[in-house]
Amino acid sequence: EVQLVESGGSLVQAGGSLRLSCAASGFSVDHYAIGWFRQAPGKQREAVSAINSRHDTTYYPDSFKGRFTISVDIAENMVYLQMNSLKPADTARYYCAVVRGGHTSGLLEWRAYDYWGRGTQVTVSS
């Protein structure tokens, strides 16, 4: 069965960095599009970044400041999100999600994805 398990979330001071991991099992991330999303209490789920199924193009919201970077390690079947210059506004639960490759568009929309992890909490203090 497809499983995604996020880890690496913690309490961090503003200006700090975190590297979130998403361990995939039951399938190979090769040929899957991948997205990272976050959601804070009372807020809508929003995209952080995504990578297409060929793993040759990354996507970030237009308003995003470019502090986060998505990457994939096919050999280890792992997905990462590097987060730098963290701000209190980054406080949220972060989720990874995947969808099998094909003619897929709108990878910054949560509806594009079929499988989700349970998330990992990131709290940034001021």
N, C-alpha and C. Protein backbone atom coordinates (compact mmCIF):
# COMPACT_ATOMS: atom_id res chain seq x y z
N GLU A 1 0.83 -1.18 0.00
CA GLU A 1 0.00 0.00 0.00
C GLU A 1 0.88 1.24 0.00
N VAL A 2 0.34 2.30 -0.55
CA VAL A 2 1.07 3.55 -0.61
C VAL A 2 1.06 4.21 0.75
N GLN A 3 2.25 4.56 1.22
CA GLN A 3 2.37 5.26 2.49
C GLN A 3 3.37 6.39 2.37
N LEU A 4 3.04 7.51 3.00
CA LEU A 4 3.91 8.67 3.07
C LEU A 4 4.01 9.09 4.53
N VAL A 5 5.21 9.21 5.03
CA VAL A 5 5.42 9.57 6.42
C VAL A 5 6.37 10.75 6.49
N GLU A 6 5.85 11.89 6.94
CA GLU A 6 6.66 13.09 7.09
C GLU A 6 7.38 13.09 8.43
N SER A 7 8.52 13.74 8.46
CA SER A 7 9.26 13.91 9.69
C SER A 7 10.12 15.16 9.58
N GLY A 8 10.67 15.58 10.70
CA GLY A 8 11.58 16.71 10.72
C GLY A 8 10.99 17.99 11.27
N GLY A 9 9.68 18.02 11.48
CA GLY A 9 9.07 19.21 12.04
C GLY A 9 9.44 19.39 13.50
N SER A 10 9.57 20.63 13.93
CA SER A 10 9.95 20.93 15.30
C SER A 10 9.69 22.39 15.60
N LEU A 11 10.01 22.78 16.81
CA LEU A 11 9.98 24.18 17.21
C LEU A 11 11.31 24.81 16.84
N VAL A 12 11.27 25.91 16.12
CA VAL A 12 12.49 26.58 15.69
C VAL A 12 12.30 28.09 15.82
N GLN A 13 13.37 28.79 16.10
CA GLN A 13 13.31 30.25 16.22
C GLN A 13 13.27 30.91 14.84
N ALA A 14 12.66 32.08 14.79
CA ALA A 14 12.62 32.84 13.54
C ALA A 14 14.02 33.02 12.99
N GLY A 15 14.14 32.86 11.68
CA GLY A 15 15.42 32.96 11.02
C GLY A 15 16.14 31.63 10.87
N GLY A 16 15.64 30.61 11.53
CA GLY A 16 16.26 29.31 11.47
C GLY A 16 15.85 28.52 10.25
N SER A 17 16.37 27.30 10.17
CA SER A 17 16.11 26.42 9.03
C SER A 17 15.67 25.05 9.50
N LEU A 18 14.92 24.38 8.66
CA LEU A 18 14.51 23.01 8.89
C LEU A 18 14.51 22.26 7.57
N ARG A 19 14.77 20.97 7.65
CA ARG A 19 14.67 20.11 6.49
C ARG A 19 13.65 19.03 6.80
N LEU A 20 12.52 19.09 6.12
CA LEU A 20 11.48 18.09 6.29
C LEU A 20 11.73 16.92 5.35
N SER A 21 11.40 15.73 5.82
CA SER A 21 11.55 14.53 5.01
C SER A 21 10.20 13.86 4.84
N CYS A 22 10.04 13.19 3.72
CA CYS A 22 8.85 12.40 3.45
C CYS A 22 9.31 11.05 2.95
N ALA A 23 9.14 10.03 3.77
CA ALA A 23 9.54 8.67 3.41
C ALA A 23 8.39 7.97 2.71
N ALA A 24 8.65 7.50 1.51
CA ALA A 24 7.64 6.80 0.73
C ALA A 24 7.86 5.30 0.81
N SER A 25 6.77 4.56 0.89
CA SER A 25 6.84 3.11 0.90
C SER A 25 5.65 2.55 0.15
N GLY A 26 5.79 1.33 -0.34
CA GLY A 26 4.73 0.70 -1.08
C GLY A 26 4.72 1.06 -2.55
N PHE A 27 5.61 1.92 -2.96
CA PHE A 27 5.73 2.36 -4.35
C PHE A 27 7.05 3.08 -4.50
N SER A 28 7.42 3.34 -5.72
CA SER A 28 8.61 4.14 -6.01
C SER A 28 8.17 5.54 -6.39
N VAL A 29 8.85 6.54 -5.83
CA VAL A 29 8.50 7.92 -6.15
C VAL A 29 8.83 8.27 -7.60
N ASP A 30 9.64 7.45 -8.23
CA ASP A 30 9.95 7.67 -9.65
C ASP A 30 8.66 7.66 -10.45
N HIS A 31 8.49 8.64 -11.30
CA HIS A 31 7.32 8.79 -12.16
C HIS A 31 6.08 9.28 -11.41
N TYR A 32 6.26 9.81 -10.21
CA TYR A 32 5.19 10.43 -9.45
C TYR A 32 5.47 11.92 -9.30
N ALA A 33 4.42 12.72 -9.47
CA ALA A 33 4.51 14.12 -9.13
C ALA A 33 4.33 14.26 -7.62
N ILE A 34 5.00 15.24 -7.04
CA ILE A 34 5.03 15.38 -5.60
C ILE A 34 4.77 16.83 -5.22
N GLY A 35 4.03 17.02 -4.15
CA GLY A 35 3.77 18.36 -3.65
C GLY A 35 3.94 18.44 -2.15
N TRP A 36 4.32 19.61 -1.69
CA TRP A 36 4.33 19.93 -0.26
C TRP A 36 3.28 21.00 -0.02
N PHE A 37 2.45 20.79 0.99
CA PHE A 37 1.41 21.73 1.36
C PHE A 37 1.48 22.00 2.85
N ARG A 38 0.88 23.09 3.26
CA ARG A 38 0.82 23.38 4.69
C ARG A 38 -0.55 23.93 5.04
N GLN A 39 -0.92 23.76 6.30
CA GLN A 39 -2.19 24.26 6.78
C GLN A 39 -2.07 24.64 8.25
N ALA A 40 -2.45 25.86 8.55
CA ALA A 40 -2.50 26.34 9.92
C ALA A 40 -3.94 26.35 10.39
N PRO A 41 -4.18 26.25 11.69
CA PRO A 41 -5.55 26.27 12.20
C PRO A 41 -6.32 27.50 11.72
N GLY A 42 -7.52 27.27 11.21
CA GLY A 42 -8.35 28.36 10.73
C GLY A 42 -7.95 28.93 9.38
N LYS A 43 -6.95 28.34 8.75
CA LYS A 43 -6.47 28.82 7.46
C LYS A 43 -6.68 27.76 6.39
N GLN A 44 -6.71 28.20 5.14
CA GLN A 44 -6.83 27.27 4.03
C GLN A 44 -5.51 26.55 3.79
N ARG A 45 -5.62 25.35 3.25
CA ARG A 45 -4.43 24.62 2.86
C ARG A 45 -3.78 25.35 1.68
N GLU A 46 -2.49 25.51 1.72
CA GLU A 46 -1.80 26.20 0.65
C GLU A 46 -0.58 25.42 0.20
N ALA A 47 -0.28 25.56 -1.07
CA ALA A 47 0.88 24.89 -1.64
C ALA A 47 2.16 25.59 -1.24
N VAL A 48 3.17 24.80 -1.00
CA VAL A 48 4.50 25.31 -0.72
C VAL A 48 5.39 25.13 -1.94
N SER A 49 5.36 23.94 -2.52
CA SER A 49 6.14 23.65 -3.72
C SER A 49 5.66 22.34 -4.32
N ALA A 50 6.08 22.08 -5.55
CA ALA A 50 5.74 20.84 -6.21
C ALA A 50 6.79 20.53 -7.25
N ILE A 51 6.85 19.27 -7.65
CA ILE A 51 7.74 18.84 -8.72
C ILE A 51 6.96 17.87 -9.59
N ASN A 52 7.16 17.97 -10.89
CA ASN A 52 6.39 17.14 -11.80
C ASN A 52 6.88 15.70 -11.79
N SER A 53 6.15 14.83 -12.50
CA SER A 53 6.44 13.40 -12.46
C SER A 53 7.74 13.03 -13.14
N ARG A 54 8.24 13.87 -14.01
CA ARG A 54 9.53 13.64 -14.64
C ARG A 54 10.67 14.14 -13.76
N HIS A 55 10.32 14.85 -12.71
CA HIS A 55 11.29 15.40 -11.76
C HIS A 55 12.29 16.31 -12.45
N ASP A 56 11.81 17.05 -13.44
CA ASP A 56 12.67 17.98 -14.14
C ASP A 56 12.17 19.42 -14.06
N THR A 57 11.05 19.64 -13.37
CA THR A 57 10.50 20.97 -13.23
C THR A 57 9.92 21.13 -11.83
N THR A 58 10.28 22.21 -11.17
CA THR A 58 9.71 22.51 -9.86
C THR A 58 8.79 23.71 -9.97
N TYR A 59 7.87 23.81 -9.02
CA TYR A 59 6.87 24.86 -9.02
C TYR A 59 6.77 25.46 -7.63
N TYR A 60 6.54 26.76 -7.59
CA TYR A 60 6.35 27.48 -6.34
C TYR A 60 5.26 28.52 -6.56
N PRO A 61 4.44 28.79 -5.55
CA PRO A 61 3.43 29.84 -5.69
C PRO A 61 4.06 31.17 -6.08
N ASP A 62 3.31 31.95 -6.89
CA ASP A 62 3.83 33.23 -7.37
C ASP A 62 4.23 34.15 -6.23
N SER A 63 3.47 34.09 -5.14
CA SER A 63 3.72 34.99 -4.03
C SER A 63 4.78 34.47 -3.06
N PHE A 64 5.26 33.28 -3.30
CA PHE A 64 6.24 32.70 -2.41
C PHE A 64 7.59 33.38 -2.59
N LYS A 65 8.29 33.55 -1.50
CA LYS A 65 9.55 34.28 -1.52
C LYS A 65 10.76 33.45 -1.90
N GLY A 66 10.56 32.18 -2.21
CA GLY A 66 11.65 31.35 -2.67
C GLY A 66 12.56 30.84 -1.58
N ARG A 67 12.06 30.79 -0.37
CA ARG A 67 12.87 30.31 0.75
C ARG A 67 12.86 28.80 0.88
N PHE A 68 11.91 28.14 0.23
CA PHE A 68 11.77 26.70 0.35
C PHE A 68 12.18 26.02 -0.95
N THR A 69 12.73 24.81 -0.83
CA THR A 69 13.16 24.06 -1.99
C THR A 69 12.75 22.60 -1.86
N ILE A 70 12.11 22.07 -2.89
CA ILE A 70 11.72 20.67 -2.92
C ILE A 70 12.79 19.87 -3.66
N SER A 71 13.02 18.65 -3.19
CA SER A 71 13.96 17.77 -3.87
C SER A 71 13.53 16.33 -3.68
N VAL A 72 14.03 15.45 -4.55
CA VAL A 72 13.66 14.04 -4.54
C VAL A 72 14.92 13.20 -4.66
N ASP A 73 14.99 12.15 -3.86
CA ASP A 73 16.06 11.17 -3.95
C ASP A 73 15.41 9.85 -4.32
N ILE A 74 15.47 9.52 -5.61
CA ILE A 74 14.81 8.31 -6.09
C ILE A 74 15.41 7.05 -5.46
N ALA A 75 16.73 7.01 -5.35
CA ALA A 75 17.40 5.83 -4.82
C ALA A 75 16.96 5.53 -3.40
N GLU A 76 16.74 6.57 -2.60
CA GLU A 76 16.32 6.39 -1.22
C GLU A 76 14.81 6.44 -1.05
N ASN A 77 14.10 6.73 -2.14
CA ASN A 77 12.65 6.83 -2.11
C ASN A 77 12.20 7.87 -1.08
N MET A 78 12.87 9.02 -1.12
CA MET A 78 12.62 10.08 -0.16
C MET A 78 12.35 11.41 -0.86
N VAL A 79 11.55 12.22 -0.23
CA VAL A 79 11.26 13.57 -0.69
C VAL A 79 11.64 14.53 0.43
N TYR A 80 12.17 15.67 0.06
CA TYR A 80 12.62 16.63 1.06
C TYR A 80 12.05 18.02 0.78
N LEU A 81 11.94 18.79 1.85
CA LEU A 81 11.61 20.20 1.74
C LEU A 81 12.59 20.97 2.62
N GLN A 82 13.48 21.71 1.99
CA GLN A 82 14.42 22.55 2.71
C GLN A 82 13.77 23.90 2.96
N MET A 83 13.72 24.32 4.21
CA MET A 83 13.08 25.57 4.59
C MET A 83 14.11 26.45 5.27
N ASN A 84 14.31 27.64 4.73
CA ASN A 84 15.28 28.58 5.26
C ASN A 84 14.60 29.89 5.65
N SER A 85 15.27 30.66 6.48
CA SER A 85 14.78 31.97 6.91
C SER A 85 13.34 31.90 7.39
N LEU A 86 13.08 30.98 8.27
CA LEU A 86 11.71 30.73 8.73
C LEU A 86 11.15 31.91 9.50
N LYS A 87 9.87 32.13 9.34
CA LYS A 87 9.14 33.20 9.99
C LYS A 87 7.99 32.61 10.80
N PRO A 88 7.50 33.35 11.80
CA PRO A 88 6.34 32.85 12.55
C PRO A 88 5.15 32.50 11.65
N ALA A 89 4.99 33.21 10.54
CA ALA A 89 3.90 32.93 9.61
C ALA A 89 4.03 31.57 8.94
N ASP A 90 5.20 30.95 9.04
CA ASP A 90 5.40 29.62 8.47
C ASP A 90 4.89 28.53 9.39
N THR A 91 4.46 28.89 10.58
CA THR A 91 3.92 27.91 11.52
C THR A 91 2.70 27.24 10.93
N ALA A 92 2.75 25.92 10.82
CA ALA A 92 1.68 25.15 10.19
C ALA A 92 2.04 23.68 10.26
N ARG A 93 1.07 22.85 9.90
CA ARG A 93 1.36 21.45 9.70
C ARG A 93 1.68 21.26 8.23
N TYR A 94 2.77 20.58 7.95
CA TYR A 94 3.25 20.40 6.59
C TYR A 94 3.01 18.98 6.12
N TYR A 95 2.47 18.85 4.91
CA TYR A 95 2.11 17.56 4.34
C TYR A 95 2.82 17.34 3.01
N CYS A 96 3.20 16.09 2.74
CA CYS A 96 3.63 15.74 1.41
C CYS A 96 2.53 14.92 0.75
N ALA A 97 2.46 15.01 -0.56
CA ALA A 97 1.44 14.32 -1.32
C ALA A 97 2.01 13.91 -2.67
N VAL A 98 1.47 12.83 -3.23
CA VAL A 98 1.95 12.34 -4.52
C VAL A 98 0.77 11.95 -5.40
N VAL A 99 1.02 11.96 -6.70
CA VAL A 99 0.07 11.47 -7.68
C VAL A 99 0.87 10.84 -8.81
N ARG A 100 0.40 9.73 -9.32
CA ARG A 100 1.11 9.03 -10.37
C ARG A 100 1.19 9.88 -11.63
N GLY A 101 2.30 9.76 -12.32
CA GLY A 101 2.55 10.57 -13.49
C GLY A 101 1.57 10.34 -14.62
N GLY A 102 1.57 11.28 -15.52
CA GLY A 102 0.67 11.28 -16.66
C GLY A 102 0.42 12.71 -17.07
N HIS A 103 -0.71 12.93 -17.70
CA HIS A 103 -1.08 14.29 -18.08
C HIS A 103 -1.70 14.99 -16.87
N THR A 104 -0.84 15.47 -16.02
CA THR A 104 -1.26 16.11 -14.79
C THR A 104 -0.90 17.58 -14.82
N SER A 105 -1.84 18.40 -14.44
CA SER A 105 -1.63 19.84 -14.38
C SER A 105 -2.11 20.37 -13.05
N GLY A 106 -1.78 21.61 -12.78
CA GLY A 106 -2.21 22.23 -11.54
C GLY A 106 -1.62 21.57 -10.31
N LEU A 107 -0.32 21.34 -10.32
CA LEU A 107 0.32 20.62 -9.22
C LEU A 107 0.43 21.44 -7.95
N LEU A 108 0.07 22.71 -8.00
CA LEU A 108 0.00 23.52 -6.80
C LEU A 108 -1.41 23.54 -6.21
N GLU A 109 -2.27 22.70 -6.72
CA GLU A 109 -3.62 22.54 -6.20
C GLU A 109 -3.73 21.20 -5.48
N TRP A 110 -4.26 21.23 -4.28
CA TRP A 110 -4.31 20.01 -3.47
C TRP A 110 -5.16 18.92 -4.10
N ARG A 111 -6.13 19.31 -4.93
CA ARG A 111 -7.01 18.33 -5.57
C ARG A 111 -6.29 17.46 -6.58
N ALA A 112 -5.09 17.82 -6.97
CA ALA A 112 -4.34 17.04 -7.94
C ALA A 112 -3.81 15.74 -7.38
N TYR A 113 -3.73 15.64 -6.07
CA TYR A 113 -3.02 14.53 -5.44
C TYR A 113 -3.93 13.43 -4.91
N ASP A 114 -3.44 12.21 -5.01
CA ASP A 114 -4.21 11.03 -4.59
C ASP A 114 -3.81 10.50 -3.23
N TYR A 115 -2.57 10.70 -2.84
CA TYR A 115 -2.07 10.13 -1.60
C TYR A 115 -1.41 11.20 -0.75
N TRP A 116 -1.69 11.16 0.55
CA TRP A 116 -1.20 12.16 1.49
C TRP A 116 -0.61 11.52 2.73
N GLY A 117 0.39 12.17 3.28
CA GLY A 117 0.89 11.79 4.58
C GLY A 117 0.07 12.43 5.67
N ARG A 118 0.41 12.12 6.91
CA ARG A 118 -0.33 12.67 8.04
C ARG A 118 0.21 14.02 8.50
N GLY A 119 1.33 14.43 7.98
CA GLY A 119 1.87 15.74 8.27
C GLY A 119 2.86 15.76 9.41
N THR A 120 3.60 16.85 9.49
CA THR A 120 4.53 17.09 10.58
C THR A 120 4.44 18.56 10.96
N GLN A 121 4.42 18.83 12.25
CA GLN A 121 4.19 20.18 12.74
C GLN A 121 5.47 21.00 12.75
N VAL A 122 5.38 22.21 12.21
CA VAL A 122 6.46 23.18 12.25
C VAL A 122 5.95 24.39 13.01
N THR A 123 6.65 24.76 14.06
CA THR A 123 6.30 25.94 14.84
C THR A 123 7.50 26.86 14.89
N VAL A 124 7.30 28.10 14.45
CA VAL A 124 8.37 29.09 14.42
C VAL A 124 8.06 30.15 15.45
N SER A 125 8.94 30.31 16.40
CA SER A 125 8.75 31.28 17.46
C SER A 125 9.41 32.60 17.10
N SER A 126 8.88 33.68 17.66
CA SER A 126 9.44 35.00 17.42
C SER A 126 10.36 35.44 18.54
